[in-house]
Amino acid sequence: MARRRSQGVSWQLIGIVAVLAVFLVAGIIWVASSSGRDDLEPPLIVMMDEALDLEAGVSEDGYPVLGSADAPVTFYEFADFQCPHCKDHHDIYAKRINRDYVATGKAKMVWVTFAFQGDESINAAKAGYCALDQSPEQFWTLHDWLFENQAAIANTGGFAPARLALMADQIGLDVAAFDACFADPATLERVEAGKAFAIEKGVESTPSFLVGETLVAGTGEENLVPLRQALDTASTGE
């Protein structure tokens, strides 16, 4: 008599189905979690807290200031947070200018965001003003975070609103107040006013620096020389 084939399900088949189910559930969880994490693309670089060793304030026209209010010389930096040359200046050359002129009390620097590289430049500029409203020191902290987290290619999510809110949270800002400020049309008007001011002063590229009536465009060793000359001339009055 022929043996009847078993009608049950083999343990091997059950095991295969179980493994596939695990992968399916994991995939669903990954898709669900990643859909709300656009702020982490590219991954956020979390910076160590550093004490700000320079005086910070706000100018009469509402721009962030670095340096003593009593400094005899005022100069302006015009920059875009998405600008790679601005990041180079921040990472290398600004430290020298701050050391030799701002920290010594010879000059104070007024920062004007010239947001011209697209929507995320505007986003970053708005974030800066929203940090400034909570604390001048927090503006400079966020300023450093923005340059540290600049995307390799502009307008690819580096300064998406959710990612900026995450930075605000990381540096200890009131996120609810930050979000309300970011959404306020008046904040965009401040960004546009900064851009108009830069254009009025003849700025065509970033970074650019204005000392009195002397405009110095660009950064690097070759452009640090005329910037220093302009600051020295303004300091001595010669």
C-alpha atoms as a PDB file:
ATOM      1  CA  MET A   1       0.000   0.000   0.000  1.00  0.00           C
ATOM      2  CA  ALA A   2       1.352   3.460  -0.892  1.00  0.00           C
ATOM      3  CA  ARG A   3       2.113   5.780   2.055  1.00  0.00           C
ATOM      4  CA  ARG A   4      -0.102   8.868   2.144  1.00  0.00           C
ATOM      5  CA  ARG A   5       1.829  12.179   2.077  1.00  0.00           C
ATOM      6  CA  SER A   6       1.498  14.182   5.276  1.00  0.00           C
ATOM      7  CA  GLN A   7      -0.943  17.131   5.058  1.00  0.00           C
ATOM      8  CA  GLY A   8       0.788  19.144   7.817  1.00  0.00           C
ATOM      9  CA  VAL A   9       3.097  22.140   7.376  1.00  0.00           C
ATOM     10  CA  SER A  10       6.787  21.399   7.869  1.00  0.00           C
ATOM     11  CA  TRP A  11       8.776  23.160  10.567  1.00  0.00           C
ATOM     12  CA  GLN A  12      11.215  24.272   7.871  1.00  0.00           C
ATOM     13  CA  LEU A  13       8.462  26.147   6.040  1.00  0.00           C
ATOM     14  CA  ILE A  14       7.259  27.733   9.281  1.00  0.00           C
ATOM     15  CA  GLY A  15      10.791  28.938   9.949  1.00  0.00           C
ATOM     16  CA  ILE A  16      11.109  30.524   6.508  1.00  0.00           C
ATOM     17  CA  VAL A  17       7.777  32.311   6.903  1.00  0.00           C
ATOM     18  CA  ALA A  18       8.792  33.587  10.352  1.00  0.00           C
ATOM     19  CA  VAL A  19      12.080  34.994   9.041  1.00  0.00           C
ATOM     20  CA  LEU A  20      10.312  36.732   6.161  1.00  0.00           C
ATOM     21  CA  ALA A  21       7.787  38.192   8.585  1.00  0.00           C
ATOM     22  CA  VAL A  22      10.583  39.633  10.734  1.00  0.00           C
ATOM     23  CA  PHE A  23      12.181  41.320   7.696  1.00  0.00           C
ATOM     24  CA  LEU A  24       8.777  42.664   6.593  1.00  0.00           C
ATOM     25  CA  VAL A  25       8.030  44.196  10.006  1.00  0.00           C
ATOM     26  CA  ALA A  26      11.539  45.667  10.225  1.00  0.00           C
ATOM     27  CA  GLY A  27      11.103  47.220   6.795  1.00  0.00           C
ATOM     28  CA  ILE A  28       7.783  48.784   7.753  1.00  0.00           C
ATOM     29  CA  ILE A  29       9.288  50.232  10.947  1.00  0.00           C
ATOM     30  CA  TRP A  30      12.265  51.644   9.039  1.00  0.00           C
ATOM     31  CA  VAL A  31      10.054  53.331   6.435  1.00  0.00           C
ATOM     32  CA  ALA A  32       7.764  54.764   9.106  1.00  0.00           C
ATOM     33  CA  SER A  33      10.632  56.119  11.175  1.00  0.00           C
ATOM     34  CA  SER A  34      12.639  57.496   8.278  1.00  0.00           C
ATOM     35  CA  SER A  35       9.658  59.395   6.855  1.00  0.00           C
ATOM     36  CA  GLY A  36       9.829  61.800   9.793  1.00  0.00           C
ATOM     37  CA  ARG A  37      13.611  62.165   9.898  1.00  0.00           C
ATOM     38  CA  ASP A  38      14.297  64.427   6.962  1.00  0.00           C
ATOM     39  CA  ASP A  39      16.086  66.676   9.459  1.00  0.00           C
ATOM     40  CA  LEU A  40      18.813  64.054   9.761  1.00  0.00           C
ATOM     41  CA  GLU A  41      19.656  64.008   6.061  1.00  0.00           C
ATOM     42  CA  PRO A  42      22.569  64.684   6.011  1.00  0.00           C
ATOM     43  CA  PRO A  43      23.239  63.502   9.576  1.00  0.00           C
ATOM     44  CA  LEU A  44      23.489  66.329  12.067  1.00  0.00           C
ATOM     45  CA  ILE A  45      26.948  67.019  13.480  1.00  0.00           C
ATOM     46  CA  VAL A  46      26.501  67.652  17.189  1.00  0.00           C
ATOM     47  CA  MET A  47      29.081  70.143  18.423  1.00  0.00           C
ATOM     48  CA  MET A  48      30.602  70.353  21.883  1.00  0.00           C
ATOM     49  CA  ASP A  49      29.463  73.301  23.973  1.00  0.00           C
ATOM     50  CA  GLU A  50      32.051  76.071  23.966  1.00  0.00           C
ATOM     51  CA  ALA A  51      31.963  79.217  26.060  1.00  0.00           C
ATOM     52  CA  LEU A  52      31.772  82.380  23.974  1.00  0.00           C
ATOM     53  CA  ASP A  53      34.793  84.422  25.020  1.00  0.00           C
ATOM     54  CA  LEU A  54      33.847  87.534  23.057  1.00  0.00           C
ATOM     55  CA  GLU A  55      31.171  90.048  23.933  1.00  0.00           C
ATOM     56  CA  ALA A  56      27.988  89.625  21.894  1.00  0.00           C
ATOM     57  CA  GLY A  57      25.249  92.151  21.282  1.00  0.00           C
ATOM     58  CA  VAL A  58      22.754  93.573  18.822  1.00  0.00           C
ATOM     59  CA  SER A  59      23.230  96.653  16.654  1.00  0.00           C
ATOM     60  CA  GLU A  60      20.737  99.523  16.589  1.00  0.00           C
ATOM     61  CA  ASP A  61      19.377  98.203  13.297  1.00  0.00           C
ATOM     62  CA  GLY A  62      18.933  94.672  14.634  1.00  0.00           C
ATOM     63  CA  TYR A  63      22.013  92.807  13.422  1.00  0.00           C
ATOM     64  CA  PRO A  64      24.161  90.550  15.613  1.00  0.00           C
ATOM     65  CA  VAL A  65      27.403  92.080  16.840  1.00  0.00           C
ATOM     66  CA  LEU A  66      30.591  90.422  18.020  1.00  0.00           C
ATOM     67  CA  GLY A  67      32.970  92.487  20.120  1.00  0.00           C
ATOM     68  CA  SER A  68      32.934  95.306  22.627  1.00  0.00           C
ATOM     69  CA  ALA A  69      30.257  97.940  22.221  1.00  0.00           C
ATOM     70  CA  ASP A  70      32.991 100.508  22.937  1.00  0.00           C
ATOM     71  CA  ALA A  71      35.283  99.345  20.125  1.00  0.00           C
ATOM     72  CA  PRO A  72      36.301 102.386  18.044  1.00  0.00           C
ATOM     73  CA  VAL A  73      35.960 100.618  14.675  1.00  0.00           C
ATOM     74  CA  THR A  74      32.911  98.846  13.287  1.00  0.00           C
ATOM     75  CA  PHE A  75      33.144  96.530  10.316  1.00  0.00           C
ATOM     76  CA  TYR A  76      30.563  94.373   8.582  1.00  0.00           C
ATOM     77  CA  GLU A  77      30.701  90.807   7.367  1.00  0.00           C
ATOM     78  CA  PHE A  78      28.202  89.844   4.667  1.00  0.00           C
ATOM     79  CA  ALA A  79      27.787  86.093   4.312  1.00  0.00           C
ATOM     80  CA  ASP A  80      25.460  83.265   3.321  1.00  0.00           C
ATOM     81  CA  PHE A  81      25.340  80.194   5.567  1.00  0.00           C
ATOM     82  CA  GLN A  82      25.293  77.950   2.464  1.00  0.00           C
ATOM     83  CA  CYS A  83      28.338  79.632   0.916  1.00  0.00           C
ATOM     84  CA  PRO A  84      31.400  77.305   0.987  1.00  0.00           C
ATOM     85  CA  HIS A  85      33.814  80.256   0.890  1.00  0.00           C
ATOM     86  CA  CYS A  86      32.025  81.713   3.909  1.00  0.00           C
ATOM     87  CA  LYS A  87      32.571  78.423   5.702  1.00  0.00           C
ATOM     88  CA  ASP A  88      36.270  78.558   4.789  1.00  0.00           C
ATOM     89  CA  HIS A  89      36.471  82.053   6.231  1.00  0.00           C
ATOM     90  CA  HIS A  90      34.659  80.954   9.392  1.00  0.00           C
ATOM     91  CA  ASP A  91      36.840  77.877   9.851  1.00  0.00           C
ATOM     92  CA  ILE A  92      40.208  79.537   9.237  1.00  0.00           C
ATOM     93  CA  TYR A  93      40.475  83.264   8.665  1.00  0.00           C
ATOM     94  CA  ALA A  94      37.776  84.693  10.946  1.00  0.00           C
ATOM     95  CA  LYS A  95      39.636  83.298  13.940  1.00  0.00           C
ATOM     96  CA  ARG A  96      42.651  85.442  13.063  1.00  0.00           C
ATOM     97  CA  ILE A  97      40.609  88.607  12.615  1.00  0.00           C
ATOM     98  CA  ASN A  98      38.753  87.972  15.860  1.00  0.00           C
ATOM     99  CA  ARG A  99      42.024  87.354  17.712  1.00  0.00           C
ATOM    100  CA  ASP A 100      43.823  90.440  16.407  1.00  0.00           C
ATOM    101  CA  TYR A 101      41.019  93.001  16.238  1.00  0.00           C
ATOM    102  CA  VAL A 102      37.818  91.897  18.006  1.00  0.00           C
ATOM    103  CA  ALA A 103      39.325  90.256  21.106  1.00  0.00           C
ATOM    104  CA  THR A 104      41.725  93.186  21.567  1.00  0.00           C
ATOM    105  CA  GLY A 105      38.911  95.726  21.527  1.00  0.00           C
ATOM    106  CA  LYS A 106      40.135  97.428  18.376  1.00  0.00           C
ATOM    107  CA  ALA A 107      37.011  96.617  16.367  1.00  0.00           C
ATOM    108  CA  LYS A 108      33.606  95.050  16.570  1.00  0.00           C
ATOM    109  CA  MET A 109      32.006  93.041  13.795  1.00  0.00           C
ATOM    110  CA  VAL A 110      28.403  93.311  12.618  1.00  0.00           C
ATOM    111  CA  TRP A 111      27.090  90.208  10.864  1.00  0.00           C
ATOM    112  CA  VAL A 112      24.634  90.649   7.979  1.00  0.00           C
ATOM    113  CA  THR A 113      23.239  87.537   6.360  1.00  0.00           C
ATOM    114  CA  PHE A 114      23.158  87.988   2.580  1.00  0.00           C
ATOM    115  CA  ALA A 115      20.863  85.052   1.768  1.00  0.00           C
ATOM    116  CA  PHE A 116      21.058  84.669  -1.996  1.00  0.00           C
ATOM    117  CA  GLN A 117      21.626  80.975  -2.689  1.00  0.00           C
ATOM    118  CA  GLY A 118      18.045  79.743  -2.455  1.00  0.00           C
ATOM    119  CA  ASP A 119      15.371  78.706  -0.007  1.00  0.00           C
ATOM    120  CA  GLU A 120      17.711  77.055   2.481  1.00  0.00           C
ATOM    121  CA  SER A 121      19.866  80.175   2.656  1.00  0.00           C
ATOM    122  CA  ILE A 122      16.712  82.029   3.635  1.00  0.00           C
ATOM    123  CA  ASN A 123      15.847  79.286   6.139  1.00  0.00           C
ATOM    124  CA  ALA A 124      19.253  79.564   7.799  1.00  0.00           C
ATOM    125  CA  ALA A 125      19.057  83.355   7.903  1.00  0.00           C
ATOM    126  CA  LYS A 126      15.636  83.173   9.554  1.00  0.00           C
ATOM    127  CA  ALA A 127      16.980  80.665  12.075  1.00  0.00           C
ATOM    128  CA  GLY A 128      19.783  83.076  12.912  1.00  0.00           C
ATOM    129  CA  TYR A 129      17.387  85.913  13.652  1.00  0.00           C
ATOM    130  CA  CYS A 130      15.211  83.614  15.763  1.00  0.00           C
ATOM    131  CA  ALA A 131      18.255  82.616  17.828  1.00  0.00           C
ATOM    132  CA  LEU A 132      19.285  86.276  18.111  1.00  0.00           C
ATOM    133  CA  ASP A 133      15.870  87.173  19.518  1.00  0.00           C
ATOM    134  CA  GLN A 134      16.412  84.728  22.369  1.00  0.00           C
ATOM    135  CA  SER A 135      20.037  85.664  23.059  1.00  0.00           C
ATOM    136  CA  PRO A 136      22.889  87.355  21.140  1.00  0.00           C
ATOM    137  CA  GLU A 137      25.229  84.657  22.450  1.00  0.00           C
ATOM    138  CA  GLN A 138      22.897  81.975  21.103  1.00  0.00           C
ATOM    139  CA  PHE A 139      23.052  83.566  17.658  1.00  0.00           C
ATOM    140  CA  TRP A 140      26.801  83.014  17.563  1.00  0.00           C
ATOM    141  CA  THR A 141      26.406  79.474  18.848  1.00  0.00           C
ATOM    142  CA  LEU A 142      23.898  78.693  16.104  1.00  0.00           C
ATOM    143  CA  HIS A 143      26.116  80.536  13.594  1.00  0.00           C
ATOM    144  CA  ASP A 144      28.883  78.013  14.357  1.00  0.00           C
ATOM    145  CA  TRP A 145      26.483  75.053  14.190  1.00  0.00           C
ATOM    146  CA  LEU A 146      25.175  76.188  10.817  1.00  0.00           C
ATOM    147  CA  PHE A 147      28.617  76.353   9.273  1.00  0.00           C
ATOM    148  CA  GLU A 148      29.611  73.024  10.841  1.00  0.00           C
ATOM    149  CA  ASN A 149      26.474  71.416   9.391  1.00  0.00           C
ATOM    150  CA  GLN A 150      26.588  73.039   5.972  1.00  0.00           C
ATOM    151  CA  ALA A 151      25.596  70.530   3.268  1.00  0.00           C
ATOM    152  CA  ALA A 152      28.074  69.739   0.503  1.00  0.00           C
ATOM    153  CA  ILE A 153      25.497  70.871  -2.060  1.00  0.00           C
ATOM    154  CA  ALA A 154      23.205  73.813  -1.417  1.00  0.00           C
ATOM    155  CA  ASN A 155      19.466  73.307  -1.009  1.00  0.00           C
ATOM    156  CA  THR A 156      19.652  69.541  -0.471  1.00  0.00           C
ATOM    157  CA  GLY A 157      18.213  69.394   3.043  1.00  0.00           C
ATOM    158  CA  GLY A 158      21.092  70.726   5.096  1.00  0.00           C
ATOM    159  CA  PHE A 159      18.994  73.644   6.289  1.00  0.00           C
ATOM    160  CA  ALA A 160      15.538  72.124   6.063  1.00  0.00           C
ATOM    161  CA  PRO A 161      13.191  73.594   8.711  1.00  0.00           C
ATOM    162  CA  ALA A 162      13.060  70.389  10.778  1.00  0.00           C
ATOM    163  CA  ARG A 163      16.853  70.158  10.829  1.00  0.00           C
ATOM    164  CA  LEU A 164      17.162  73.782  11.919  1.00  0.00           C
ATOM    165  CA  ALA A 165      14.655  73.163  14.712  1.00  0.00           C
ATOM    166  CA  LEU A 166      16.771  70.215  15.824  1.00  0.00           C
ATOM    167  CA  MET A 167      19.833  72.475  15.986  1.00  0.00           C
ATOM    168  CA  ALA A 168      17.832  75.009  17.993  1.00  0.00           C
ATOM    169  CA  ASP A 169      16.897  72.277  20.449  1.00  0.00           C
ATOM    170  CA  GLN A 170      20.499  71.055  20.677  1.00  0.00           C
ATOM    171  CA  ILE A 171      21.819  74.492  21.663  1.00  0.00           C
ATOM    172  CA  GLY A 172      19.104  74.986  24.262  1.00  0.00           C
ATOM    173  CA  LEU A 173      16.768  77.449  22.580  1.00  0.00           C
ATOM    174  CA  ASP A 174      13.059  77.568  23.391  1.00  0.00           C
ATOM    175  CA  VAL A 175      11.946  75.507  20.392  1.00  0.00           C
ATOM    176  CA  ALA A 176       8.304  76.621  20.540  1.00  0.00           C
ATOM    177  CA  ALA A 177       9.393  80.266  20.421  1.00  0.00           C
ATOM    178  CA  PHE A 178      11.915  79.423  17.704  1.00  0.00           C
ATOM    179  CA  ASP A 179       9.246  77.749  15.565  1.00  0.00           C
ATOM    180  CA  ALA A 180       6.845  80.673  16.012  1.00  0.00           C
ATOM    181  CA  CYS A 181       9.570  83.141  15.037  1.00  0.00           C
ATOM    182  CA  PHE A 182      10.586  81.018  12.050  1.00  0.00           C
ATOM    183  CA  ALA A 183       6.992  81.002  10.744  1.00  0.00           C
ATOM    184  CA  ASP A 184       6.453  84.721  11.341  1.00  0.00           C
ATOM    185  CA  PRO A 185       6.411  86.719   8.052  1.00  0.00           C
ATOM    186  CA  ALA A 186       8.228  89.514   9.875  1.00  0.00           C
ATOM    187  CA  THR A 187      11.299  87.278  10.173  1.00  0.00           C
ATOM    188  CA  LEU A 188      11.438  86.873   6.412  1.00  0.00           C
ATOM    189  CA  GLU A 189      11.197  90.654   6.109  1.00  0.00           C
ATOM    190  CA  ARG A 190      14.307  90.949   8.290  1.00  0.00           C
ATOM    191  CA  VAL A 191      16.165  88.559   5.983  1.00  0.00           C
ATOM    192  CA  GLU A 192      15.120  90.538   2.926  1.00  0.00           C
ATOM    193  CA  ALA A 193      16.150  93.798   4.626  1.00  0.00           C
ATOM    194  CA  GLY A 194      19.622  92.377   5.267  1.00  0.00           C
ATOM    195  CA  LYS A 195      19.950  91.374   1.630  1.00  0.00           C
ATOM    196  CA  ALA A 196      18.804  94.830   0.489  1.00  0.00           C
ATOM    197  CA  PHE A 197      21.326  96.472   2.824  1.00  0.00           C
ATOM    198  CA  ALA A 198      24.124  94.326   1.388  1.00  0.00           C
ATOM    199  CA  ILE A 199      23.180  95.240  -2.176  1.00  0.00           C
ATOM    200  CA  GLU A 200      22.980  98.912  -1.208  1.00  0.00           C
ATOM    201  CA  LYS A 201      26.577  98.691   0.043  1.00  0.00           C
ATOM    202  CA  GLY A 202      27.749  97.189  -3.248  1.00  0.00           C
ATOM    203  CA  VAL A 203      28.056  93.570  -2.118  1.00  0.00           C
ATOM    204  CA  GLU A 204      27.992  91.153  -5.052  1.00  0.00           C
ATOM    205  CA  SER A 205      29.451  88.005  -3.515  1.00  0.00           C
ATOM    206  CA  THR A 206      30.060  86.345  -0.167  1.00  0.00           C
ATOM    207  CA  PRO A 207      31.901  86.690   2.025  1.00  0.00           C
ATOM    208  CA  SER A 208      32.431  90.419   1.738  1.00  0.00           C
ATOM    209  CA  PHE A 209      33.605  92.884   4.366  1.00  0.00           C
ATOM    210  CA  LEU A 210      32.915  96.570   4.767  1.00  0.00           C
ATOM    211  CA  VAL A 211      35.238  98.817   6.796  1.00  0.00           C
ATOM    212  CA  GLY A 212      34.081 102.411   6.547  1.00  0.00           C
ATOM    213  CA  GLU A 213      33.722 102.909   2.809  1.00  0.00           C
ATOM    214  CA  THR A 214      36.190 100.154   1.903  1.00  0.00           C
ATOM    215  CA  LEU A 215      34.610  96.966   0.570  1.00  0.00           C
ATOM    216  CA  VAL A 216      36.756  93.825   0.512  1.00  0.00           C
ATOM    217  CA  ALA A 217      35.302  90.877  -1.383  1.00  0.00           C
ATOM    218  CA  GLY A 218      36.360  87.276  -0.813  1.00  0.00           C
ATOM    219  CA  THR A 219      38.504  85.470   1.710  1.00  0.00           C
ATOM    220  CA  GLY A 220      41.794  83.633   1.831  1.00  0.00           C
ATOM    221  CA  GLU A 221      45.341  84.783   2.408  1.00  0.00           C
ATOM    222  CA  GLU A 222      45.297  87.240  -0.501  1.00  0.00           C
ATOM    223  CA  ASN A 223      42.113  88.973   0.713  1.00  0.00           C
ATOM    224  CA  LEU A 224      43.078  88.995   4.364  1.00  0.00           C
ATOM    225  CA  VAL A 225      45.774  91.566   3.550  1.00  0.00           C
ATOM    226  CA  PRO A 226      43.456  94.373   2.321  1.00  0.00           C
ATOM    227  CA  LEU A 227      40.994  93.602   5.110  1.00  0.00           C
ATOM    228  CA  ARG A 228      43.726  94.012   7.702  1.00  0.00           C
ATOM    229  CA  GLN A 229      44.931  97.194   5.990  1.00  0.00           C
ATOM    230  CA  ALA A 230      41.434  98.653   6.071  1.00  0.00           C
ATOM    231  CA  LEU A 231      41.028  97.782   9.753  1.00  0.00           C
ATOM    232  CA  ASP A 232      44.450  99.195  10.630  1.00  0.00           C
ATOM    233  CA  THR A 233      43.734 102.407   8.742  1.00  0.00           C
ATOM    234  CA  ALA A 234      40.377 102.791  10.468  1.00  0.00           C
ATOM    235  CA  SER A 235      41.990 102.152  13.856  1.00  0.00           C
ATOM    236  CA  THR A 236      44.734 104.753  13.429  1.00  0.00           C
ATOM    237  CA  GLY A 237      42.734 107.218  11.398  1.00  0.00           C
ATOM    238  CA  GLU A 238      45.580 107.490   8.905  1.00  0.00           C
END
